[in-house]
Amino acid sequence: MRDIDQIIRSITQIYPAVTARQLSVSHPGVDDDGLWFFQRAGSEFEVQIESSTGMVPFLIETDESDARLTAKSINETLEILTKLLHLEPQ
């Protein structure tokens, strides 16, 4: 299982209001589809995670600010997502 799959599973189990989707590309297998978008229901902001392999490290950005963060582990990615999506600790 790729790191991104574990992240999606974890964040959506803990926070059911969060949705995740992968970038749809015109030419699967040729175009780089290593971009995932996360959004919390009721929020206008989106967080994107980028990795061409779906494995750490991830480049993480949000349209709420100009922040560009690098996560080097699954746990660090989950912590950053929780913060950028303004999720309450569970």
PDB file of N, CA and C in Angstrom:
ATOM      1  N   MET A   1       0.845  -1.174   0.000  1.00  0.00           N
ATOM      2  CA  MET A   1       0.000   0.000   0.000  1.00  0.00           C
ATOM      3  C   MET A   1       0.899   1.249   0.000  1.00  0.00           C
ATOM      4  N   ARG A   2       0.568   2.209  -0.835  1.00  0.00           N
ATOM      5  CA  ARG A   2       1.325   3.455  -0.895  1.00  0.00           C
ATOM      6  C   ARG A   2       1.022   4.321   0.335  1.00  0.00           C
ATOM      7  N   ASP A   3       1.941   5.199   0.638  1.00  0.00           N
ATOM      8  CA  ASP A   3       1.755   6.107   1.770  1.00  0.00           C
ATOM      9  C   ASP A   3       0.496   6.947   1.604  1.00  0.00           C
ATOM     10  N   ILE A   4       0.233   7.437   0.395  1.00  0.00           N
ATOM     11  CA  ILE A   4      -0.949   8.279   0.169  1.00  0.00           C
ATOM     12  C   ILE A   4      -2.231   7.513   0.463  1.00  0.00           C
ATOM     13  N   ASP A   5      -2.264   6.229   0.157  1.00  0.00           N
ATOM     14  CA  ASP A   5      -3.453   5.417   0.436  1.00  0.00           C
ATOM     15  C   ASP A   5      -3.688   5.306   1.944  1.00  0.00           C
ATOM     16  N   GLN A   6      -2.610   5.149   2.701  1.00  0.00           N
ATOM     17  CA  GLN A   6      -2.720   5.091   4.158  1.00  0.00           C
ATOM     18  C   GLN A   6      -3.192   6.434   4.719  1.00  0.00           C
ATOM     19  N   ILE A   7      -2.696   7.521   4.146  1.00  0.00           N
ATOM     20  CA  ILE A   7      -3.086   8.862   4.595  1.00  0.00           C
ATOM     21  C   ILE A   7      -4.566   9.102   4.325  1.00  0.00           C
ATOM     22  N   ILE A   8      -5.009   8.782   3.124  1.00  0.00           N
ATOM     23  CA  ILE A   8      -6.425   8.967   2.776  1.00  0.00           C
ATOM     24  C   ILE A   8      -7.308   8.137   3.698  1.00  0.00           C
ATOM     25  N   ARG A   9      -6.941   6.892   3.901  1.00  0.00           N
ATOM     26  CA  ARG A   9      -7.732   6.016   4.763  1.00  0.00           C
ATOM     27  C   ARG A   9      -7.797   6.567   6.191  1.00  0.00           C
ATOM     28  N   SER A  10      -6.661   6.982   6.719  1.00  0.00           N
ATOM     29  CA  SER A  10      -6.611   7.488   8.093  1.00  0.00           C
ATOM     30  C   SER A  10      -7.411   8.770   8.265  1.00  0.00           C
ATOM     31  N   ILE A  11      -7.189   9.750   7.408  1.00  0.00           N
ATOM     32  CA  ILE A  11      -7.831  11.055   7.584  1.00  0.00           C
ATOM     33  C   ILE A  11      -9.341  10.961   7.395  1.00  0.00           C
ATOM     34  N   THR A  12      -9.796  10.134   6.452  1.00  0.00           N
ATOM     35  CA  THR A  12     -11.241  10.037   6.227  1.00  0.00           C
ATOM     36  C   THR A  12     -11.937   9.175   7.277  1.00  0.00           C
ATOM     37  N   GLN A  13     -11.213   8.264   7.919  1.00  0.00           N
ATOM     38  CA  GLN A  13     -11.799   7.500   9.021  1.00  0.00           C
ATOM     39  C   GLN A  13     -11.932   8.361  10.266  1.00  0.00           C
ATOM     40  N   ILE A  14     -10.915   9.156  10.539  1.00  0.00           N
ATOM     41  CA  ILE A  14     -10.933  10.013  11.725  1.00  0.00           C
ATOM     42  C   ILE A  14     -11.874  11.195  11.529  1.00  0.00           C
ATOM     43  N   TYR A  15     -11.873  11.755  10.329  1.00  0.00           N
ATOM     44  CA  TYR A  15     -12.681  12.944  10.016  1.00  0.00           C
ATOM     45  C   TYR A  15     -13.551  12.653   8.793  1.00  0.00           C
ATOM     46  N   PRO A  16     -14.725  12.080   8.982  1.00  0.00           N
ATOM     47  CA  PRO A  16     -15.587  11.717   7.853  1.00  0.00           C
ATOM     48  C   PRO A  16     -16.005  12.901   6.969  1.00  0.00           C
ATOM     49  N   ALA A  17     -15.877  14.129   7.476  1.00  0.00           N
ATOM     50  CA  ALA A  17     -16.240  15.310   6.683  1.00  0.00           C
ATOM     51  C   ALA A  17     -15.161  15.680   5.665  1.00  0.00           C
ATOM     52  N   VAL A  18     -14.033  14.974   5.679  1.00  0.00           N
ATOM     53  CA  VAL A  18     -12.948  15.253   4.739  1.00  0.00           C
ATOM     54  C   VAL A  18     -13.084  14.344   3.528  1.00  0.00           C
ATOM     55  N   THR A  19     -12.946  14.944   2.354  1.00  0.00           N
ATOM     56  CA  THR A  19     -12.941  14.168   1.113  1.00  0.00           C
ATOM     57  C   THR A  19     -11.567  14.292   0.468  1.00  0.00           C
ATOM     58  N   ALA A  20     -11.190  13.261  -0.248  1.00  0.00           N
ATOM     59  CA  ALA A  20      -9.914  13.239  -0.954  1.00  0.00           C
ATOM     60  C   ALA A  20     -10.161  12.769  -2.383  1.00  0.00           C
ATOM     61  N   ARG A  21      -9.466  13.415  -3.307  1.00  0.00           N
ATOM     62  CA  ARG A  21      -9.567  12.994  -4.707  1.00  0.00           C
ATOM     63  C   ARG A  21      -8.214  13.175  -5.374  1.00  0.00           C
ATOM     64  N   GLN A  22      -7.947  12.311  -6.327  1.00  0.00           N
ATOM     65  CA  GLN A  22      -6.701  12.384  -7.071  1.00  0.00           C
ATOM     66  C   GLN A  22      -6.931  13.162  -8.355  1.00  0.00           C
ATOM     67  N   LEU A  23      -5.925  13.888  -8.801  1.00  0.00           N
ATOM     68  CA  LEU A  23      -6.003  14.628 -10.045  1.00  0.00           C
ATOM     69  C   LEU A  23      -6.339  13.680 -11.191  1.00  0.00           C
ATOM     70  N   SER A  24      -7.318  14.040 -11.991  1.00  0.00           N
ATOM     71  CA  SER A  24      -7.652  13.280 -13.198  1.00  0.00           C
ATOM     72  C   SER A  24      -6.820  13.834 -14.345  1.00  0.00           C
ATOM     73  N   VAL A  25      -6.135  12.961 -15.041  1.00  0.00           N
ATOM     74  CA  VAL A  25      -5.266  13.398 -16.137  1.00  0.00           C
ATOM     75  C   VAL A  25      -5.827  12.939 -17.470  1.00  0.00           C
ATOM     76  N   SER A  26      -5.407  13.599 -18.525  1.00  0.00           N
ATOM     77  CA  SER A  26      -5.866  13.265 -19.871  1.00  0.00           C
ATOM     78  C   SER A  26      -5.273  11.957 -20.381  1.00  0.00           C
ATOM     79  N   HIS A  27      -4.031  11.680 -19.976  1.00  0.00           N
ATOM     80  CA  HIS A  27      -3.333  10.492 -20.470  1.00  0.00           C
ATOM     81  C   HIS A  27      -2.788   9.679 -19.299  1.00  0.00           C
ATOM     82  N   PRO A  28      -3.645   8.833 -18.667  1.00  0.00           N
ATOM     83  CA  PRO A  28      -3.185   8.018 -17.541  1.00  0.00           C
ATOM     84  C   PRO A  28      -1.969   7.177 -17.926  1.00  0.00           C
ATOM     85  N   GLY A  29      -1.011   7.098 -17.011  1.00  0.00           N
ATOM     86  CA  GLY A  29       0.195   6.331 -17.281  1.00  0.00           C
ATOM     87  C   GLY A  29       1.273   7.153 -17.962  1.00  0.00           C
ATOM     88  N   VAL A  30       0.883   8.267 -18.586  1.00  0.00           N
ATOM     89  CA  VAL A  30       1.838   9.147 -19.256  1.00  0.00           C
ATOM     90  C   VAL A  30       1.956  10.461 -18.484  1.00  0.00           C
ATOM     91  N   ASP A  31       0.801  11.079 -18.214  1.00  0.00           N
ATOM     92  CA  ASP A  31       0.781  12.320 -17.442  1.00  0.00           C
ATOM     93  C   ASP A  31       1.004  12.017 -15.963  1.00  0.00           C
ATOM     94  N   ASP A  32       1.634  12.941 -15.257  1.00  0.00           N
ATOM     95  CA  ASP A  32       1.874  12.776 -13.821  1.00  0.00           C
ATOM     96  C   ASP A  32       0.576  13.045 -13.057  1.00  0.00           C
ATOM     97  N   ASP A  33       0.048  12.012 -12.431  1.00  0.00           N
ATOM     98  CA  ASP A  33      -1.195  12.143 -11.661  1.00  0.00           C
ATOM     99  C   ASP A  33      -0.924  12.109 -10.157  1.00  0.00           C
ATOM    100  N   GLY A  34       0.288  12.468  -9.762  1.00  0.00           N
ATOM    101  CA  GLY A  34       0.694  12.412  -8.360  1.00  0.00           C
ATOM    102  C   GLY A  34       0.273  13.616  -7.545  1.00  0.00           C
ATOM    103  N   LEU A  35      -0.982  14.011  -7.676  1.00  0.00           N
ATOM    104  CA  LEU A  35      -1.513  15.160  -6.956  1.00  0.00           C
ATOM    105  C   LEU A  35      -2.866  14.782  -6.376  1.00  0.00           C
ATOM    106  N   TRP A  36      -3.014  14.979  -5.061  1.00  0.00           N
ATOM    107  CA  TRP A  36      -4.261  14.650  -4.371  1.00  0.00           C
ATOM    108  C   TRP A  36      -4.778  15.900  -3.678  1.00  0.00           C
ATOM    109  N   PHE A  37      -6.093  16.055  -3.670  1.00  0.00           N
ATOM    110  CA  PHE A  37      -6.750  17.213  -3.082  1.00  0.00           C
ATOM    111  C   PHE A  37      -7.598  16.770  -1.902  1.00  0.00           C
ATOM    112  N   PHE A  38      -7.503  17.506  -0.809  1.00  0.00           N
ATOM    113  CA  PHE A  38      -8.255  17.220   0.405  1.00  0.00           C
ATOM    114  C   PHE A  38      -9.073  18.452   0.749  1.00  0.00           C
ATOM    115  N   GLN A  39     -10.333  18.219   1.109  1.00  0.00           N
ATOM    116  CA  GLN A  39     -11.194  19.330   1.497  1.00  0.00           C
ATOM    117  C   GLN A  39     -12.130  18.885   2.603  1.00  0.00           C
ATOM    118  N   ARG A  40     -12.375  19.809   3.524  1.00  0.00           N
ATOM    119  CA  ARG A  40     -13.323  19.565   4.614  1.00  0.00           C
ATOM    120  C   ARG A  40     -14.659  20.143   4.202  1.00  0.00           C
ATOM    121  N   ALA A  41     -15.719  19.394   4.414  1.00  0.00           N
ATOM    122  CA  ALA A  41     -17.068  19.871   4.106  1.00  0.00           C
ATOM    123  C   ALA A  41     -17.299  21.208   4.792  1.00  0.00           C
ATOM    124  N   GLY A  42     -17.835  22.160   4.048  1.00  0.00           N
ATOM    125  CA  GLY A  42     -18.127  23.474   4.587  1.00  0.00           C
ATOM    126  C   GLY A  42     -16.966  24.442   4.524  1.00  0.00           C
ATOM    127  N   SER A  43     -15.822  24.010   4.034  1.00  0.00           N
ATOM    128  CA  SER A  43     -14.662  24.886   3.930  1.00  0.00           C
ATOM    129  C   SER A  43     -14.438  25.273   2.476  1.00  0.00           C
ATOM    130  N   GLU A  44     -14.045  26.502   2.259  1.00  0.00           N
ATOM    131  CA  GLU A  44     -13.761  26.945   0.898  1.00  0.00           C
ATOM    132  C   GLU A  44     -12.317  26.645   0.498  1.00  0.00           C
ATOM    133  N   PHE A  45     -11.502  26.213   1.461  1.00  0.00           N
ATOM    134  CA  PHE A  45     -10.090  25.974   1.190  1.00  0.00           C
ATOM    135  C   PHE A  45      -9.818  24.500   0.907  1.00  0.00           C
ATOM    136  N   GLU A  46      -8.783  24.283   0.109  1.00  0.00           N
ATOM    137  CA  GLU A  46      -8.393  22.940  -0.291  1.00  0.00           C
ATOM    138  C   GLU A  46      -6.903  22.785  -0.010  1.00  0.00           C
ATOM    139  N   VAL A  47      -6.506  21.573   0.356  1.00  0.00           N
ATOM    140  CA  VAL A  47      -5.104  21.257   0.580  1.00  0.00           C
ATOM    141  C   VAL A  47      -4.694  20.246  -0.477  1.00  0.00           C
ATOM    142  N   GLN A  48      -3.528  20.460  -1.051  1.00  0.00           N
ATOM    143  CA  GLN A  48      -3.046  19.503  -2.045  1.00  0.00           C
ATOM    144  C   GLN A  48      -1.744  18.878  -1.587  1.00  0.00           C
ATOM    145  N   ILE A  49      -1.621  17.594  -1.891  1.00  0.00           N
ATOM    146  CA  ILE A  49      -0.424  16.825  -1.575  1.00  0.00           C
ATOM    147  C   ILE A  49       0.139  16.326  -2.895  1.00  0.00           C
ATOM    148  N   GLU A  50       1.451  16.493  -3.051  1.00  0.00           N
ATOM    149  CA  GLU A  50       2.077  16.104  -4.311  1.00  0.00           C
ATOM    150  C   GLU A  50       3.221  15.128  -4.084  1.00  0.00           C
ATOM    151  N   SER A  51       3.213  14.061  -4.869  1.00  0.00           N
ATOM    152  CA  SER A  51       4.306  13.091  -4.915  1.00  0.00           C
ATOM    153  C   SER A  51       4.067  12.215  -6.137  1.00  0.00           C
ATOM    154  N   SER A  52       5.003  12.178  -7.034  1.00  0.00           N
ATOM    155  CA  SER A  52       4.796  11.402  -8.263  1.00  0.00           C
ATOM    156  C   SER A  52       4.660   9.909  -7.996  1.00  0.00           C
ATOM    157  N   THR A  53       5.162   9.434  -6.843  1.00  0.00           N
ATOM    158  CA  THR A  53       5.090   8.006  -6.521  1.00  0.00           C
ATOM    159  C   THR A  53       3.996   7.664  -5.516  1.00  0.00           C
ATOM    160  N   GLY A  54       3.415   8.682  -4.868  1.00  0.00           N
ATOM    161  CA  GLY A  54       2.439   8.420  -3.817  1.00  0.00           C
ATOM    162  C   GLY A  54       3.083   8.030  -2.498  1.00  0.00           C
ATOM    163  N   MET A  55       4.396   8.235  -2.428  1.00  0.00           N
ATOM    164  CA  MET A  55       5.160   7.905  -1.227  1.00  0.00           C
ATOM    165  C   MET A  55       5.818   9.168  -0.693  1.00  0.00           C
ATOM    166  N   VAL A  56       6.137   9.172   0.622  1.00  0.00           N
ATOM    167  CA  VAL A  56       6.833  10.316   1.194  1.00  0.00           C
ATOM    168  C   VAL A  56       8.199  10.458   0.541  1.00  0.00           C
ATOM    169  N   PRO A  57       8.723  11.667   0.505  1.00  0.00           N
ATOM    170  CA  PRO A  57       8.196  12.918   1.042  1.00  0.00           C
ATOM    171  C   PRO A  57       7.090  13.491   0.155  1.00  0.00           C
ATOM    172  N   PHE A  58       6.223  14.304   0.780  1.00  0.00           N
ATOM    173  CA  PHE A  58       5.138  14.982   0.085  1.00  0.00           C
ATOM    174  C   PHE A  58       5.355  16.487   0.145  1.00  0.00           C
ATOM    175  N   LEU A  59       5.057  17.159  -0.947  1.00  0.00           N
ATOM    176  CA  LEU A  59       4.976  18.612  -0.962  1.00  0.00           C
ATOM    177  C   LEU A  59       3.524  18.944  -0.680  1.00  0.00           C
ATOM    178  N   ILE A  60       3.275  19.782   0.317  1.00  0.00           N
ATOM    179  CA  ILE A  60       1.903  20.095   0.726  1.00  0.00           C
ATOM    180  C   ILE A  60       1.685  21.594   0.603  1.00  0.00           C
ATOM    181  N   GLU A  61       0.572  21.962  -0.044  1.00  0.00           N
ATOM    182  CA  GLU A  61       0.206  23.364  -0.227  1.00  0.00           C
ATOM    183  C   GLU A  61      -1.286  23.527   0.036  1.00  0.00           C
ATOM    184  N   THR A  62      -1.679  24.767   0.301  1.00  0.00           N
ATOM    185  CA  THR A  62      -3.086  25.087   0.481  1.00  0.00           C
ATOM    186  C   THR A  62      -3.394  26.369  -0.266  1.00  0.00           C
ATOM    187  N   ASP A  63      -4.631  26.497  -0.732  1.00  0.00           N
ATOM    188  CA  ASP A  63      -5.008  27.731  -1.409  1.00  0.00           C
ATOM    189  C   ASP A  63      -5.399  28.821  -0.407  1.00  0.00           C
ATOM    190  N   GLU A  64      -5.283  28.518   0.884  1.00  0.00           N
ATOM    191  CA  GLU A  64      -5.551  29.509   1.916  1.00  0.00           C
ATOM    192  C   GLU A  64      -4.358  30.459   2.101  1.00  0.00           C
ATOM    193  N   SER A  65      -3.150  29.967   1.805  1.00  0.00           N
ATOM    194  CA  SER A  65      -1.949  30.781   1.985  1.00  0.00           C
ATOM    195  C   SER A  65      -0.888  30.345   0.977  1.00  0.00           C
ATOM    196  N   ASP A  66       0.266  30.997   1.052  1.00  0.00           N
ATOM    197  CA  ASP A  66       1.377  30.655   0.167  1.00  0.00           C
ATOM    198  C   ASP A  66       2.300  29.594   0.766  1.00  0.00           C
ATOM    199  N   ALA A  67       1.892  28.983   1.860  1.00  0.00           N
ATOM    200  CA  ALA A  67       2.730  27.998   2.549  1.00  0.00           C
ATOM    201  C   ALA A  67       3.027  26.803   1.643  1.00  0.00           C
ATOM    202  N   ARG A  68       4.283  26.380   1.654  1.00  0.00           N
ATOM    203  CA  ARG A  68       4.734  25.172   0.955  1.00  0.00           C
ATOM    204  C   ARG A  68       5.501  24.357   1.978  1.00  0.00           C
ATOM    205  N   LEU A  69       4.940  23.220   2.347  1.00  0.00           N
ATOM    206  CA  LEU A  69       5.527  22.402   3.399  1.00  0.00           C
ATOM    207  C   LEU A  69       5.949  21.059   2.825  1.00  0.00           C
ATOM    208  N   THR A  70       6.958  20.473   3.430  1.00  0.00           N
ATOM    209  CA  THR A  70       7.387  19.135   3.040  1.00  0.00           C
ATOM    210  C   THR A  70       7.197  18.219   4.235  1.00  0.00           C
ATOM    211  N   ALA A  71       6.479  17.125   4.008  1.00  0.00           N
ATOM    212  CA  ALA A  71       6.264  16.117   5.051  1.00  0.00           C
ATOM    213  C   ALA A  71       7.118  14.898   4.711  1.00  0.00           C
ATOM    214  N   LYS A  72       7.850  14.428   5.706  1.00  0.00           N
ATOM    215  CA  LYS A  72       8.776  13.321   5.479  1.00  0.00           C
ATOM    216  C   LYS A  72       8.297  11.996   6.055  1.00  0.00           C
ATOM    217  N   SER A  73       7.070  12.000   6.608  1.00  0.00           N
ATOM    218  CA  SER A  73       6.506  10.758   7.147  1.00  0.00           C
ATOM    219  C   SER A  73       4.980  10.813   7.016  1.00  0.00           C
ATOM    220  N   ILE A  74       4.350   9.674   7.172  1.00  0.00           N
ATOM    221  CA  ILE A  74       2.888   9.617   7.141  1.00  0.00           C
ATOM    222  C   ILE A  74       2.319  10.429   8.299  1.00  0.00           C
ATOM    223  N   ASN A  75       2.882  10.254   9.494  1.00  0.00           N
ATOM    224  CA  ASN A  75       2.370  10.986  10.663  1.00  0.00           C
ATOM    225  C   ASN A  75       2.524  12.494  10.500  1.00  0.00           C
ATOM    226  N   GLU A  76       3.648  12.923   9.967  1.00  0.00           N
ATOM    227  CA  GLU A  76       3.846  14.358   9.747  1.00  0.00           C
ATOM    228  C   GLU A  76       2.836  14.885   8.721  1.00  0.00           C
ATOM    229  N   THR A  77       2.559  14.106   7.687  1.00  0.00           N
ATOM    230  CA  THR A  77       1.572  14.497   6.679  1.00  0.00           C
ATOM    231  C   THR A  77       0.204  14.644   7.316  1.00  0.00           C
ATOM    232  N   LEU A  78      -0.189  13.693   8.159  1.00  0.00           N
ATOM    233  CA  LEU A  78      -1.485  13.760   8.834  1.00  0.00           C
ATOM    234  C   LEU A  78      -1.567  14.973   9.760  1.00  0.00           C
ATOM    235  N   GLU A  79      -0.492  15.280  10.455  1.00  0.00           N
ATOM    236  CA  GLU A  79      -0.471  16.457  11.335  1.00  0.00           C
ATOM    237  C   GLU A  79      -0.653  17.746  10.528  1.00  0.00           C
ATOM    238  N   ILE A  80       0.040  17.858   9.409  1.00  0.00           N
ATOM    239  CA  ILE A  80      -0.063  19.045   8.562  1.00  0.00           C
ATOM    240  C   ILE A  80      -1.459  19.156   7.972  1.00  0.00           C
ATOM    241  N   LEU A  81      -2.009  18.041   7.485  1.00  0.00           N
ATOM    242  CA  LEU A  81      -3.371  18.055   6.936  1.00  0.00           C
ATOM    243  C   LEU A  81      -4.377  18.516   7.983  1.00  0.00           C
ATOM    244  N   THR A  82      -4.253  17.982   9.187  1.00  0.00           N
ATOM    245  CA  THR A  82      -5.163  18.342  10.274  1.00  0.00           C
ATOM    246  C   THR A  82      -5.106  19.845  10.541  1.00  0.00           C
ATOM    247  N   LYS A  83      -3.908  20.402  10.544  1.00  0.00           N
ATOM    248  CA  LYS A  83      -3.724  21.826  10.792  1.00  0.00           C
ATOM    249  C   LYS A  83      -4.279  22.663   9.635  1.00  0.00           C
ATOM    250  N   LEU A  84      -3.920  22.326   8.399  1.00  0.00           N
ATOM    251  CA  LEU A  84      -4.314  23.139   7.246  1.00  0.00           C
ATOM    252  C   LEU A  84      -5.804  23.037   6.935  1.00  0.00           C
ATOM    253  N   LEU A  85      -6.422  21.918   7.313  1.00  0.00           N
ATOM    254  CA  LEU A  85      -7.874  21.759   7.098  1.00  0.00           C
ATOM    255  C   LEU A  85      -8.677  22.276   8.291  1.00  0.00           C
ATOM    256  N   HIS A  86      -7.977  22.788   9.302  1.00  0.00           N
ATOM    257  CA  HIS A  86      -8.619  23.331  10.514  1.00  0.00           C
ATOM    258  C   HIS A  86      -9.536  22.296  11.161  1.00  0.00           C
ATOM    259  N   LEU A  87      -8.992  21.103  11.348  1.00  0.00           N
ATOM    260  CA  LEU A  87      -9.748  20.011  11.959  1.00  0.00           C
ATOM    261  C   LEU A  87      -9.517  20.004  13.458  1.00  0.00           C
ATOM    262  N   GLU A  88     -10.537  19.683  14.199  1.00  0.00           N
ATOM    263  CA  GLU A  88     -10.439  19.586  15.649  1.00  0.00           C
ATOM    264  C   GLU A  88      -9.803  18.244  16.010  1.00  0.00           C
ATOM    265  N   PRO A  89      -8.904  18.226  16.988  1.00  0.00           N
ATOM    266  CA  PRO A  89      -8.312  16.958  17.418  1.00  0.00           C
ATOM    267  C   PRO A  89      -9.392  15.969  17.863  1.00  0.00           C
ATOM    268  N   GLN A  90      -9.210  14.725  17.504  1.00  0.00           N
ATOM    269  CA  GLN A  90     -10.175  13.678  17.858  1.00  0.00           C
ATOM    270  C   GLN A  90      -9.608  12.820  18.974  1.00  0.00           C
TER     271      GLN A  90
END
